[in-house]
Amino acid sequence: MDDSEEFNRRNREVVGRMAADEEMRGQTREWMASATRYEYSYHFTWLGRPIIQFPQDIVATQEIIWRVRPDLIIETGIARGGSLIFSASMLELLGGDGLVVGVDVDIREHNRVEIERHPLARRIKMVQGSSVDESVVRRVAAYAEGRPTVLVMLDSNHTHEHVRRELELYSPLVTPGSYLIVYDTLIEQMPEDMYPERPWGRGDNPLTAVREFLSGHADFEVDREVEDKLLVTVAPGGYLRRVK
């Protein structure tokens, strides 16, 4: 007998109880603060390239991509290329001519070489330049023409001003039913001294930008189900679904 419906119902019930457990949420925040001090997200690779994400967020993004089935994935922030390879691998599994476009202000040559030599490189395009430069946005938007389903991930400069501008520039490219994922909203929950050498911190980070963006964009909402089941995530409040 197929018990899928009951299995899913029970999962939703247990996740709801877990999400309401304030003690567990507090323990999770404490653990993540400690793990971040050890650069936890830097320790993992995807098909040979450093992905610089928590495994929990990798799994959640996999679920979203498999469900949404995008024809185009846009990523701001390339770093060492693991996330581009991850997206390309998901698109490869989905079939068709799906493409991932990565944007970075500085694509270092050794990273570009490794990305371009990867077996999945044919599904990857890279654009060098600031993600909030309108000429760069136009180049990226050109890839979206004729593609029915577009998903966007923001993971570049984490200041409020930069992310807020990215949200305005890239949200129109996200198709209804798809997602705009904003990483590192966790910064707002981290200790005050976590990022002493960075231009971002509490009160000036992706989450503050998301909150301001959502106040004027009823076509997007936070998918709380994602973070409720993860708990361990760098993107609390950052999994945004376009609802109309």
Protein backbone atom coordinates (compact mmCIF):
# COMPACT_ATOMS: atom_id res chain seq x y z
CA MET A 1 0.00 0.00 0.00
CA ASP A 2 1.28 3.45 -0.91
CA ASP A 3 1.69 5.37 2.35
CA SER A 4 3.19 8.51 0.78
CA GLU A 5 0.37 10.79 1.89
CA GLU A 6 0.60 9.67 5.50
CA PHE A 7 4.41 9.84 5.41
CA ASN A 8 4.29 13.44 4.17
CA ARG A 9 1.57 14.40 6.65
CA ARG A 10 3.59 13.08 9.57
CA ASN A 11 6.71 14.86 8.34
CA ARG A 12 4.86 18.17 8.22
CA GLU A 13 3.54 17.61 11.73
CA VAL A 14 6.95 16.76 13.20
CA VAL A 15 8.65 19.65 11.37
CA GLY A 16 6.03 22.01 12.79
CA ARG A 17 6.78 20.84 16.33
CA MET A 18 10.52 21.08 15.74
CA ALA A 19 10.24 24.61 14.34
CA ALA A 20 8.29 25.67 17.42
CA ASP A 21 10.97 24.31 19.77
CA GLU A 22 12.69 27.51 20.89
CA GLU A 23 15.30 25.62 22.90
CA MET A 24 16.36 23.68 19.82
CA ARG A 25 16.41 26.86 17.73
CA GLY A 26 18.67 28.48 20.29
CA GLN A 27 21.00 25.49 20.30
CA THR A 28 21.10 25.60 16.52
CA ARG A 29 22.06 29.29 16.48
CA GLU A 30 24.81 28.66 19.03
CA TRP A 31 26.17 25.73 17.03
CA MET A 32 26.13 27.72 13.80
CA ALA A 33 28.00 30.61 15.41
CA SER A 34 30.68 28.18 16.59
CA ALA A 35 30.81 26.38 13.23
CA THR A 36 31.11 29.67 11.34
CA ARG A 37 34.23 30.55 13.33
CA TYR A 38 35.78 27.40 11.84
CA GLU A 39 34.74 28.39 8.28
CA TYR A 40 32.46 25.34 8.23
CA SER A 41 30.95 26.06 4.81
CA TYR A 42 34.39 26.07 3.17
CA HIS A 43 34.97 22.39 3.86
CA PHE A 44 32.75 20.84 1.17
CA THR A 45 32.97 20.29 -2.58
CA TRP A 46 30.50 19.48 -5.34
CA LEU A 47 31.83 17.25 -8.12
CA GLY A 48 35.36 18.42 -7.43
CA ARG A 49 34.94 22.16 -6.81
CA PRO A 50 34.58 23.98 -3.44
CA ILE A 51 30.92 24.93 -3.06
CA ILE A 52 31.15 27.10 0.09
CA GLN A 53 27.66 26.28 1.37
CA PHE A 54 26.25 24.37 4.31
CA PRO A 55 25.22 20.84 3.25
CA GLN A 56 21.70 21.51 4.54
CA ASP A 57 21.24 24.41 2.13
CA ILE A 58 22.65 22.33 -0.72
CA VAL A 59 20.00 19.68 -0.07
CA ALA A 60 17.22 22.28 0.20
CA THR A 61 18.27 23.93 -3.06
CA GLN A 62 18.33 20.52 -4.75
CA GLU A 63 14.73 19.94 -3.65
CA ILE A 64 13.65 23.33 -4.98
CA ILE A 65 15.39 22.90 -8.33
CA TRP A 66 13.93 19.41 -8.82
CA ARG A 67 10.44 20.68 -8.01
CA VAL A 68 10.58 23.96 -9.96
CA ARG A 69 12.54 22.52 -12.93
CA PRO A 70 14.07 25.82 -14.08
CA ASP A 71 15.36 26.37 -17.60
CA LEU A 72 17.76 29.04 -16.32
CA ILE A 73 19.51 29.52 -12.99
CA ILE A 74 21.18 32.86 -12.31
CA GLU A 75 23.79 33.11 -9.56
CA THR A 76 25.52 36.23 -8.29
CA GLY A 77 28.84 35.31 -6.70
CA ILE A 78 30.98 32.60 -8.28
CA ALA A 79 33.93 32.18 -5.89
CA ARG A 80 35.54 28.83 -6.72
CA GLY A 81 32.67 27.61 -8.87
CA GLY A 82 31.19 24.77 -6.85
CA SER A 83 27.71 26.27 -6.80
CA LEU A 84 27.76 26.72 -10.58
CA ILE A 85 28.77 23.07 -10.95
CA PHE A 86 25.99 22.07 -8.54
CA SER A 87 23.36 23.97 -10.53
CA ALA A 88 24.72 22.61 -13.81
CA SER A 89 24.54 19.05 -12.46
CA MET A 90 20.90 19.52 -11.46
CA LEU A 91 20.08 20.94 -14.89
CA GLU A 92 21.86 17.99 -16.49
CA LEU A 93 19.62 15.59 -14.55
CA LEU A 94 16.53 17.54 -15.58
CA GLY A 95 17.53 17.27 -19.24
CA GLY A 96 16.82 19.81 -21.95
CA ASP A 97 19.03 22.83 -22.60
CA GLY A 98 19.02 24.32 -19.09
CA LEU A 99 21.73 26.86 -18.37
CA VAL A 100 23.32 28.44 -15.30
CA VAL A 101 24.72 31.97 -15.54
CA GLY A 102 27.18 33.12 -12.90
CA VAL A 103 28.12 36.75 -12.20
CA ASP A 104 31.16 37.90 -10.25
CA VAL A 105 33.06 41.17 -10.05
CA ASP A 106 36.34 39.21 -10.06
CA ILE A 107 36.49 35.79 -11.71
CA ARG A 108 39.96 34.65 -10.83
CA GLU A 109 41.78 32.98 -13.68
CA HIS A 110 42.59 29.72 -11.89
CA ASN A 111 38.93 29.33 -10.93
CA ARG A 112 37.74 30.14 -14.45
CA VAL A 113 40.13 27.53 -15.89
CA GLU A 114 38.83 24.81 -13.55
CA ILE A 115 35.19 25.68 -14.22
CA GLU A 116 35.70 25.74 -18.00
CA ARG A 117 37.44 22.37 -17.99
CA HIS A 118 34.70 20.67 -15.96
CA PRO A 119 32.56 18.04 -17.76
CA LEU A 120 29.47 20.18 -17.14
CA ALA A 121 31.00 23.41 -18.48
CA ARG A 122 28.72 23.39 -21.53
CA ARG A 123 25.82 24.34 -19.22
CA ILE A 124 27.67 27.26 -17.63
CA LYS A 125 28.10 30.88 -18.71
CA MET A 126 30.10 33.40 -16.68
CA VAL A 127 29.79 37.18 -16.70
CA GLN A 128 32.51 39.29 -15.08
CA GLY A 129 31.42 42.56 -13.54
CA SER A 130 29.44 43.94 -10.65
CA SER A 131 26.10 42.21 -10.24
CA VAL A 132 24.46 45.61 -9.78
CA ASP A 133 25.96 47.15 -12.90
CA GLU A 134 23.01 47.63 -15.24
CA SER A 135 25.04 46.64 -18.31
CA VAL A 136 25.86 43.34 -16.56
CA VAL A 137 22.21 42.83 -15.66
CA ARG A 138 21.23 43.37 -19.30
CA ARG A 139 23.72 40.70 -20.40
CA VAL A 140 22.31 38.29 -17.83
CA ALA A 141 18.70 39.13 -18.72
CA ALA A 142 19.41 38.29 -22.35
CA TYR A 143 19.94 34.67 -21.32
CA ALA A 144 16.45 34.64 -19.80
CA GLU A 145 14.72 35.47 -23.08
CA GLY A 146 12.57 32.59 -24.23
CA ARG A 147 13.13 30.55 -21.06
CA PRO A 148 9.83 29.81 -19.28
CA THR A 149 11.18 29.16 -15.77
CA VAL A 150 13.96 31.18 -14.13
CA LEU A 151 15.43 30.78 -10.64
CA VAL A 152 17.83 33.28 -9.03
CA MET A 153 20.37 32.90 -6.19
CA LEU A 154 22.08 35.91 -4.62
CA ASP A 155 25.41 35.27 -2.90
CA SER A 156 27.85 38.08 -3.66
CA ASN A 157 28.50 41.22 -1.61
CA HIS A 158 26.45 40.90 1.60
CA THR A 159 25.87 44.55 2.52
CA HIS A 160 22.30 45.80 2.80
CA GLU A 161 22.73 48.31 -0.01
CA HIS A 162 24.21 45.81 -2.46
CA VAL A 163 21.69 43.04 -1.80
CA ARG A 164 18.80 45.48 -1.85
CA ARG A 165 19.88 46.64 -5.30
CA GLU A 166 20.32 43.04 -6.48
CA LEU A 167 16.80 42.25 -5.32
CA GLU A 168 15.36 45.07 -7.38
CA LEU A 169 17.39 44.19 -10.48
CA TYR A 170 17.00 40.41 -10.51
CA SER A 171 13.56 39.82 -8.98
CA PRO A 172 11.78 40.71 -12.26
CA LEU A 173 13.60 37.79 -13.91
CA VAL A 174 12.17 35.25 -11.44
CA THR A 175 9.11 33.53 -12.88
CA PRO A 176 5.93 32.90 -10.84
CA GLY A 177 6.23 29.71 -8.82
CA SER A 178 10.01 29.85 -8.87
CA TYR A 179 12.43 31.10 -6.21
CA LEU A 180 14.73 33.98 -5.38
CA ILE A 181 17.18 32.57 -2.82
CA VAL A 182 19.16 35.07 -0.75
CA TYR A 183 22.08 33.51 1.10
CA ASP A 184 23.81 34.68 4.29
CA THR A 185 20.77 36.27 5.88
CA LEU A 186 22.17 34.43 8.91
CA ILE A 187 24.55 37.37 9.46
CA GLU A 188 21.74 39.17 11.32
CA GLN A 189 21.72 36.38 13.93
CA MET A 190 25.47 36.10 14.38
CA PRO A 191 27.45 37.65 17.28
CA GLU A 192 28.39 41.30 16.85
CA ASP A 193 32.10 40.47 16.54
CA MET A 194 31.74 37.75 13.89
CA TYR A 195 32.77 39.82 10.85
CA PRO A 196 35.23 42.49 12.08
CA GLU A 197 36.99 42.79 8.71
CA ARG A 198 33.86 42.80 6.56
CA PRO A 199 31.66 45.74 5.53
CA TRP A 200 28.55 43.88 6.70
CA GLY A 201 27.20 42.81 10.09
CA ARG A 202 24.09 43.09 12.23
CA GLY A 203 21.76 45.74 10.89
CA ASP A 204 23.52 45.81 7.51
CA ASN A 205 23.21 42.49 5.71
CA PRO A 206 21.09 40.39 3.32
CA LEU A 207 18.28 39.87 5.83
CA THR A 208 17.76 43.58 6.41
CA ALA A 209 17.66 43.99 2.62
CA VAL A 210 15.13 41.16 2.24
CA ARG A 211 12.85 42.62 4.88
CA GLU A 212 12.84 46.00 3.18
CA PHE A 213 12.30 44.40 -0.24
CA LEU A 214 9.36 42.29 0.93
CA SER A 215 7.61 45.33 2.44
CA GLY A 216 7.08 46.62 -1.09
CA HIS A 217 6.79 43.39 -3.09
CA ALA A 218 3.67 41.35 -2.41
CA ASP A 219 4.55 39.09 -5.32
CA PHE A 220 7.21 37.40 -3.16
CA GLU A 221 6.89 35.60 0.17
CA VAL A 222 9.22 33.70 2.47
CA ASP A 223 8.88 29.92 2.18
CA ARG A 224 9.05 29.14 5.89
CA GLU A 225 8.69 25.41 5.32
CA VAL A 226 12.22 25.27 3.94
CA GLU A 227 13.97 26.83 6.92
CA ASP A 228 11.64 25.13 9.44
CA LYS A 229 12.83 21.69 8.39
CA LEU A 230 16.46 22.74 7.96
CA LEU A 231 16.99 24.80 11.12
CA VAL A 232 20.68 24.72 10.16
CA THR A 233 20.72 27.19 7.27
CA VAL A 234 22.66 30.28 6.21
CA ALA A 235 19.47 31.65 4.64
CA PRO A 236 16.78 32.03 7.33
CA GLY A 237 14.09 34.21 5.79
CA GLY A 238 15.96 34.08 2.50
CA TYR A 239 14.09 31.39 0.58
CA LEU A 240 11.70 33.63 -1.33
CA ARG A 241 9.02 32.19 -3.57
CA ARG A 242 7.38 34.27 -6.27
CA VAL A 243 3.67 33.79 -5.76
CA LYS A 244 2.34 35.99 -8.57
